Protein backbone atom coordinates (compact mmCIF):
# COMPACT_ATOMS: atom_id res chain seq x y z
CA MET A 1 6.47 43.24 -68.39
CA ASN A 2 6.85 47.03 -69.47
CA THR A 3 4.07 48.42 -71.71
CA GLY A 4 5.91 51.89 -72.19
CA ASP A 5 4.11 53.84 -69.94
CA ASP A 6 5.27 52.59 -66.84
CA TYR A 7 8.36 51.69 -64.67
CA GLU A 8 9.85 48.05 -64.09
CA ALA A 9 12.42 47.37 -61.57
CA VAL A 10 13.71 43.62 -61.78
CA TYR A 11 15.74 42.41 -58.55
CA ARG A 12 17.58 39.74 -57.84
CA SER A 13 19.55 38.58 -54.98
CA LEU A 14 23.40 37.59 -55.31
CA ASP A 15 25.29 35.87 -52.62
CA ALA A 16 23.00 34.94 -50.05
CA TYR A 17 24.28 32.81 -47.37
CA SER A 18 24.07 32.30 -43.31
CA THR A 19 26.44 31.79 -40.39
CA TRP A 20 25.52 30.10 -37.10
CA LEU A 21 27.99 30.26 -33.98
CA TYR A 22 27.13 27.83 -31.41
CA GLY A 23 28.98 29.32 -28.63
CA ALA A 24 31.01 25.93 -28.40
CA GLY A 25 33.87 27.03 -30.61
CA SER A 26 32.05 26.08 -33.74
CA ARG A 27 30.36 27.05 -36.65
CA SER A 28 28.39 26.11 -39.80
CA THR A 29 27.97 28.71 -43.03
CA SER A 30 25.14 27.87 -45.67
CA ASP A 31 23.73 28.94 -49.30
CA VAL A 32 20.34 27.95 -49.02
CA GLY A 33 17.36 28.25 -46.58
CA GLY A 34 16.61 24.87 -45.54
CA SER A 35 13.64 23.96 -43.65
CA GLU A 36 12.82 21.76 -40.19
CA ALA A 37 12.97 18.60 -42.38
CA ASP A 38 16.22 19.56 -43.59
CA PRO A 39 18.08 22.30 -41.56
CA PRO A 40 20.53 24.08 -43.11
CA ALA A 41 23.09 23.78 -40.15
CA ARG A 42 22.89 21.00 -37.07
CA HIS A 43 24.86 20.73 -33.82
CA THR A 44 25.10 18.44 -30.88
CA TYR A 45 25.89 20.03 -27.44
CA GLU A 46 28.01 17.39 -25.39
CA THR A 47 28.95 19.74 -22.38
CA LYS A 48 25.84 21.31 -20.15
CA GLY A 49 26.07 24.85 -19.47
CA PRO A 50 25.25 28.26 -21.23
CA TYR A 51 26.11 28.78 -24.62
CA VAL A 52 25.41 32.15 -26.57
CA LEU A 53 24.05 31.41 -30.06
CA SER A 54 24.23 33.61 -33.12
CA VAL A 55 22.67 33.90 -36.42
CA SER A 56 24.26 36.08 -39.37
CA SER A 57 22.45 36.12 -42.64
CA THR A 58 24.16 38.28 -45.38
CA TRP A 59 22.93 38.85 -48.78
CA THR A 60 23.63 41.05 -52.17
CA ALA A 61 20.78 42.60 -54.07
CA ALA A 62 20.68 44.57 -57.61
CA PHE A 63 18.00 45.42 -59.55
CA THR A 64 17.62 46.61 -63.27
CA LEU A 65 14.82 49.93 -64.17
CA THR A 66 13.33 50.39 -67.45
CA GLY A 67 10.51 52.44 -68.16
CA PRO A 68 9.75 56.01 -70.24
CA ASN A 69 12.56 58.30 -70.71
CA LEU A 70 15.39 55.92 -70.04
CA SER A 71 17.17 55.17 -73.40
CA VAL A 72 19.12 52.40 -71.60
CA ALA A 73 18.04 49.64 -68.68
CA LEU A 74 19.37 51.50 -65.44
CA PRO A 75 21.67 48.60 -63.53
CA VAL A 76 21.55 49.55 -59.77
CA ASP A 77 23.91 48.45 -57.31
CA VAL A 78 21.71 48.24 -53.76
CA GLY A 79 24.81 46.75 -51.98
CA THR A 80 25.02 44.27 -48.65
CA VAL A 81 23.39 43.60 -46.03
CA ALA A 82 23.77 41.57 -43.14
CA VAL A 83 21.62 41.17 -40.24
CA THR A 84 22.86 39.40 -36.71
CA THR A 85 21.09 37.91 -33.72
CA THR A 86 22.10 36.39 -30.64
CA ARG A 87 20.27 34.65 -28.41
CA ASP A 88 21.56 32.87 -24.74
CA TYR A 89 21.20 28.80 -24.71
CA ARG A 90 21.42 26.84 -21.10
CA VAL A 91 21.69 22.70 -22.42
CA VAL A 92 20.45 21.42 -19.53
CA GLU A 93 20.84 17.41 -19.80
CA ILE A 94 23.01 15.49 -21.86
CA ARG A 95 21.79 11.84 -22.63
CA GLY A 96 24.20 8.98 -23.31
CA VAL A 97 23.63 6.89 -26.59
CA LEU A 98 24.41 3.63 -26.52
CA VAL A 99 26.16 2.37 -29.94
CA GLY A 100 26.81 -1.23 -31.21
């Protein structure tokens, strides 16, 4: 809370999402973070071999600044940030699942 003698910035993140590329021609996009127990994306590989996995996280941020010498709140658009990381992954064994 602004006491009148200090500056306060209220931050917000807008339009956050992640895109996973599985290296097998498929992808997933999610706007939730998920957890190990409830992941936002899953993929099952059906063929052994090397794959290049990639995840990109993108978000847009902004904040509003208030304080002394500011007659009105000052909105500041931070912009959009995208971070991508890639990793080689080798599927070494495929197991059959008996159904029925």
